[in-house]
Amino acid sequence: MTAVWAGFSARLAAALLAVGAALVLCPAAPAQLVEVAESRTDPLNAEAYIRIVNPLGGVRVEVWDRDEAKLEVMRRAEARELFPFLQVEVETGWNRFQVTVSALPVPGVPPGVDIGEVNLVLTVPRPVTIELLEARSGVVRVSGVRGAVTASTTSGNLQVQRLAGNVDLRTEIGALWAQFDLVRDEQRLRLASAAGSIRLGLPSDVAANLRVRCGGPLKCGFDVPIREEEGAVVISAELNTGGALVEVTNARGRTEILKR
């Protein structure tokens, strides 16, 4: 089932022309932002697959012990007339839940002009798999998910904690923060950034094969050899006889691996 939280009426035309002129002529002028909140709850299998794409704001994923998904949407803009152009499309099924956010063209507003933001909070069953979570400048937070998690941002920060499955996390220039209280031998943790900082917290007794390659500063709380190789700082070591695979790659940003 697909639902689109958007709409348009011809009677908005005059108001949109005025709003469009204000956005174009005074893009940096301070304004009182208007907010509107919506929510929905849908049945969802505990082992479902989640896909979220939000180029207009942040995403927070939380968990609960129900076979349901609850989506909360907060739109913010300088005028209510802009809300229908901040589109949130939701596709649901027993084994999948997909959210796609986009900005529709606004009459009188040139392409590239920011018309507002959309922030999402999604609460899902603990065992779900997040097979895609993409954002641009908004902050992404994921907590407590037991299935695999794949998430990426461009300039927004990416924060995860208490994840129990395989992890693939990437940023371009946003900061990446990941904290694990327990890492199982079968897990694979991959963290990468082009120029953002990476901060990874691992339990002191973690059994892992640690592979790190950084073009920027590197700090490691574990007693492992660090060497330079072809202009990069490199770690290739077993922690507590090895186990899970932990791979960290950072082209230019600062990297910290902390022993908790």
Protein backbone atom coordinates (compact mmCIF):
# COMPACT_ATOMS: atom_id res chain seq x y z
CA MET A 1 0.00 0.00 0.00
CA THR A 2 1.30 3.44 -0.93
CA ALA A 3 0.30 6.73 0.64
CA VAL A 4 1.53 10.19 -0.29
CA TRP A 5 1.32 12.93 2.32
CA ALA A 6 1.16 15.86 -0.10
CA GLY A 7 -1.37 17.78 -2.08
CA PHE A 8 -2.05 20.90 -4.17
CA SER A 9 -5.02 23.18 -4.73
CA ALA A 10 -5.39 25.91 -7.34
CA ARG A 11 -6.48 28.35 -4.66
CA LEU A 12 -2.92 28.28 -3.28
CA ALA A 13 -1.60 30.03 -6.39
CA ALA A 14 -1.75 33.61 -5.10
CA ALA A 15 -0.24 32.70 -1.75
CA LEU A 16 2.51 30.69 -3.43
CA LEU A 17 3.46 33.60 -5.66
CA ALA A 18 3.89 35.80 -2.59
CA VAL A 19 5.87 33.12 -0.74
CA GLY A 20 8.01 32.43 -3.79
CA ALA A 21 8.85 36.09 -4.18
CA ALA A 22 9.89 36.31 -0.54
CA LEU A 23 12.11 33.22 -0.83
CA VAL A 24 13.82 34.54 -3.96
CA LEU A 25 14.20 38.20 -2.96
CA CYS A 26 15.02 37.66 0.73
CA PRO A 27 16.45 34.13 1.06
CA ALA A 28 18.52 35.00 4.13
CA ALA A 29 15.92 37.09 5.94
CA PRO A 30 14.93 35.72 9.37
CA ALA A 31 11.49 34.18 9.46
CA GLN A 32 9.17 32.52 11.94
CA LEU A 33 9.06 28.89 10.87
CA VAL A 34 5.71 27.13 10.84
CA GLU A 35 5.56 23.48 11.92
CA VAL A 36 3.08 20.70 11.32
CA ALA A 37 3.25 17.17 12.75
CA GLU A 38 1.62 13.97 11.48
CA SER A 39 1.86 10.34 12.51
CA ARG A 40 0.67 6.93 11.40
CA THR A 41 0.98 3.35 12.67
CA ASP A 42 1.02 0.27 10.42
CA PRO A 43 1.29 -3.48 11.09
CA LEU A 44 4.82 -4.75 10.39
CA ASN A 45 6.54 -8.11 10.64
CA ALA A 46 9.31 -8.16 13.24
CA GLU A 47 11.80 -9.30 10.56
CA ALA A 48 10.78 -6.75 7.95
CA TYR A 49 13.05 -4.65 5.73
CA ILE A 50 13.16 -0.87 6.13
CA ARG A 51 14.17 1.70 3.49
CA ILE A 52 14.30 5.45 4.21
CA VAL A 53 15.46 8.26 1.91
CA ASN A 54 15.25 11.80 3.31
CA PRO A 55 17.28 14.53 1.59
CA LEU A 56 15.35 17.27 3.44
CA GLY A 57 16.11 16.63 7.11
CA GLY A 58 16.98 14.18 9.86
CA VAL A 59 15.93 10.64 10.70
CA ARG A 60 15.68 8.93 14.08
CA VAL A 61 15.04 5.17 14.30
CA GLU A 62 13.95 3.66 17.61
CA VAL A 63 12.67 0.20 18.57
CA TRP A 64 9.85 -1.35 20.55
CA ASP A 65 8.39 -4.82 21.21
CA ARG A 66 5.40 -4.57 18.89
CA ASP A 67 4.67 -5.89 15.39
CA GLU A 68 4.00 -2.36 14.22
CA ALA A 69 5.80 0.59 12.71
CA LYS A 70 5.02 4.10 13.88
CA LEU A 71 6.09 6.99 11.66
CA GLU A 72 6.13 10.57 12.95
CA VAL A 73 6.66 13.36 10.42
CA MET A 74 7.51 16.96 11.26
CA ARG A 75 7.43 19.50 8.43
CA ARG A 76 8.91 22.99 8.90
CA ALA A 77 8.62 25.87 6.43
CA GLU A 78 8.20 29.65 6.31
CA ALA A 79 4.58 29.35 5.24
CA ARG A 80 1.89 26.69 5.48
CA GLU A 81 1.34 27.00 1.73
CA LEU A 82 4.68 25.22 1.24
CA PHE A 83 3.75 22.08 3.20
CA PRO A 84 2.09 20.29 0.22
CA PHE A 85 5.40 20.56 -1.65
CA LEU A 86 7.33 18.72 1.08
CA GLN A 87 6.26 15.26 0.00
CA VAL A 88 6.47 12.12 2.13
CA GLU A 89 5.65 8.91 0.29
CA VAL A 90 5.09 5.79 2.38
CA GLU A 91 4.95 2.26 0.98
CA THR A 92 3.95 -0.48 3.40
CA GLY A 93 3.57 -4.23 3.47
CA TRP A 94 3.81 -6.97 6.08
CA ASN A 95 7.53 -7.47 5.33
CA ARG A 96 8.58 -3.98 4.23
CA PHE A 97 8.28 -0.32 5.15
CA GLN A 98 9.62 2.37 2.85
CA VAL A 99 9.65 6.16 3.27
CA THR A 100 10.77 8.55 0.53
CA VAL A 101 10.91 12.31 1.12
CA SER A 102 11.20 14.82 -1.73
CA ALA A 103 10.62 18.50 -2.53
CA LEU A 104 8.21 19.17 -5.37
CA PRO A 105 8.68 22.18 -7.69
CA VAL A 106 7.01 25.32 -6.30
CA PRO A 107 5.52 27.81 -8.78
CA GLY A 108 7.59 31.00 -8.77
CA VAL A 109 10.51 29.48 -6.85
CA PRO A 110 13.70 28.66 -8.80
CA PRO A 111 15.18 25.15 -8.44
CA GLY A 112 17.70 24.87 -5.61
CA VAL A 113 15.95 27.31 -3.25
CA ASP A 114 15.32 25.71 0.15
CA ILE A 115 11.58 25.61 0.81
CA GLY A 116 11.63 23.80 4.16
CA GLU A 117 12.65 20.65 5.99
CA VAL A 118 11.17 17.28 6.93
CA ASN A 119 12.27 15.32 10.00
CA LEU A 120 11.26 11.71 10.62
CA VAL A 121 10.99 9.51 13.70
CA LEU A 122 10.37 5.84 12.97
CA THR A 123 9.70 3.27 15.70
CA VAL A 124 9.97 -0.36 14.54
CA PRO A 125 10.26 -3.91 15.94
CA ARG A 126 13.75 -4.67 17.28
CA PRO A 127 14.68 -7.46 14.80
CA VAL A 128 14.10 -5.44 11.60
CA THR A 129 16.76 -4.95 8.94
CA ILE A 130 17.50 -1.42 7.77
CA GLU A 131 18.69 -2.12 4.24
CA LEU A 132 18.84 1.54 3.23
CA LEU A 133 18.85 4.79 5.21
CA GLU A 134 20.03 7.88 3.32
CA ALA A 135 20.11 11.53 4.37
CA ARG A 136 22.01 14.62 3.27
CA SER A 137 22.43 17.39 5.86
CA GLY A 138 20.11 16.09 8.55
CA VAL A 139 21.23 14.15 11.62
CA VAL A 140 20.64 10.38 11.53
CA ARG A 141 20.29 8.39 14.78
CA VAL A 142 19.69 4.64 15.03
CA SER A 143 19.41 2.81 18.35
CA GLY A 144 18.66 -0.74 19.47
CA VAL A 145 18.11 -2.44 16.09
CA ARG A 146 19.03 -6.16 16.09
CA GLY A 147 19.12 -6.68 12.32
CA ALA A 148 21.67 -5.39 9.84
CA VAL A 149 21.90 -1.61 9.38
CA THR A 150 23.10 0.27 6.29
CA ALA A 151 23.08 4.07 6.66
CA SER A 152 24.76 7.05 5.02
CA THR A 153 24.78 10.84 5.11
CA THR A 154 26.45 13.59 3.12
CA SER A 155 27.08 16.46 5.55
CA GLY A 156 24.80 15.39 8.39
CA ASN A 157 26.06 13.56 11.47
CA LEU A 158 25.42 9.82 11.81
CA GLN A 159 25.03 8.32 15.29
CA VAL A 160 24.32 4.69 16.20
CA GLN A 161 24.32 2.68 19.41
CA ARG A 162 23.32 -0.77 20.73
CA LEU A 163 23.20 -2.39 17.28
CA ALA A 164 23.38 -6.19 17.15
CA GLY A 165 23.73 -7.03 13.45
CA ASN A 166 26.09 -6.27 10.59
CA VAL A 167 26.70 -2.56 10.16
CA ASP A 168 27.69 -0.48 7.12
CA LEU A 169 27.93 3.24 7.96
CA ARG A 170 29.21 5.99 5.66
CA THR A 171 29.48 9.78 5.62
CA GLU A 172 31.02 12.27 3.24
CA ILE A 173 31.86 15.17 5.58
CA GLY A 174 29.50 14.51 8.48
CA ALA A 175 30.73 13.13 11.80
CA LEU A 176 30.20 9.40 12.41
CA TRP A 177 29.71 8.18 15.98
CA ALA A 178 29.15 4.51 16.81
CA GLN A 179 29.02 2.84 20.22
CA PHE A 180 28.78 -0.91 20.84
CA ASP A 181 28.21 -2.50 24.25
CA LEU A 182 28.50 -6.02 22.82
CA VAL A 183 30.03 -7.32 19.58
CA ARG A 184 29.42 -10.92 18.53
CA ASP A 185 31.98 -13.00 16.62
CA GLU A 186 29.78 -13.22 13.53
CA GLN A 187 29.25 -9.47 13.20
CA ARG A 188 30.82 -7.31 10.51
CA LEU A 189 31.21 -3.60 11.30
CA ARG A 190 32.18 -1.24 8.49
CA LEU A 191 32.61 2.50 9.07
CA ALA A 192 33.83 4.89 6.39
CA SER A 193 34.10 8.63 5.76
CA ALA A 194 35.63 10.82 3.10
CA ALA A 195 36.43 13.82 5.31
CA GLY A 196 34.29 13.61 8.45
CA SER A 197 35.43 12.49 11.87
CA ILE A 198 34.85 8.90 13.05
CA ARG A 199 34.47 7.95 16.71
CA LEU A 200 34.04 4.23 17.41
CA GLY A 201 33.52 2.81 20.89
CA LEU A 202 34.14 -0.91 21.46
CA PRO A 203 33.95 -2.96 24.67
CA SER A 204 37.34 -3.65 26.25
CA ASP A 205 36.89 -7.42 25.93
CA VAL A 206 35.82 -7.36 22.27
CA ALA A 207 37.11 -10.25 20.14
CA ALA A 208 37.69 -8.78 16.70
CA ASN A 209 39.90 -8.51 13.68
CA LEU A 210 40.58 -4.77 13.49
CA ARG A 211 41.40 -3.22 10.11
CA VAL A 212 41.91 0.56 10.02
CA ARG A 213 43.20 2.82 7.25
CA CYS A 214 43.20 6.60 7.72
CA GLY A 215 44.58 9.56 5.82
CA GLY A 216 44.01 11.86 8.81
CA PRO A 217 44.90 11.70 12.52
CA LEU A 218 44.28 8.38 14.28
CA LYS A 219 43.90 7.65 18.00
CA CYS A 220 43.40 4.07 19.25
CA GLY A 221 42.70 3.04 22.83
CA PHE A 222 43.69 -0.58 22.24
CA ASP A 223 47.32 -1.68 22.54
CA VAL A 224 47.94 -2.56 18.90
CA PRO A 225 50.74 -1.69 16.45
CA ILE A 226 50.12 1.35 14.24
CA ARG A 227 52.17 1.81 11.10
CA GLU A 228 52.37 4.15 8.12
CA GLU A 229 51.77 2.74 4.67
CA GLU A 230 51.60 4.69 1.38
CA GLY A 231 50.68 7.96 3.06
CA ALA A 232 48.08 6.42 5.37
CA VAL A 233 48.02 5.30 9.00
CA VAL A 234 47.17 1.61 9.22
CA ILE A 235 46.14 -0.92 11.88
CA SER A 236 45.82 -4.63 11.17
CA ALA A 237 45.49 -6.53 14.42
CA GLU A 238 43.57 -9.16 16.36
CA LEU A 239 41.84 -8.05 19.54
CA ASN A 240 41.49 -10.82 22.12
CA THR A 241 42.33 -13.59 19.60
CA GLY A 242 40.02 -12.16 16.89
CA GLY A 243 36.40 -12.69 16.00
CA ALA A 244 34.15 -10.04 14.46
CA LEU A 245 35.49 -8.09 11.49
CA VAL A 246 35.80 -4.34 12.23
CA GLU A 247 36.83 -2.18 9.26
CA VAL A 248 37.35 1.57 9.56
CA THR A 249 38.33 3.76 6.59
CA ASN A 250 38.71 7.53 6.70
CA ALA A 251 40.28 9.37 3.77
CA ARG A 252 40.99 12.72 5.45
CA GLY A 253 39.11 13.12 8.74
CA ARG A 254 40.10 12.40 12.33
CA THR A 255 39.51 8.86 13.66
CA GLU A 256 39.21 7.66 17.27
CA ILE A 257 38.78 4.05 18.37
CA LEU A 258 37.91 3.95 22.04
CA LYS A 259 38.10 1.07 24.52
CA ARG A 260 35.01 1.21 26.73
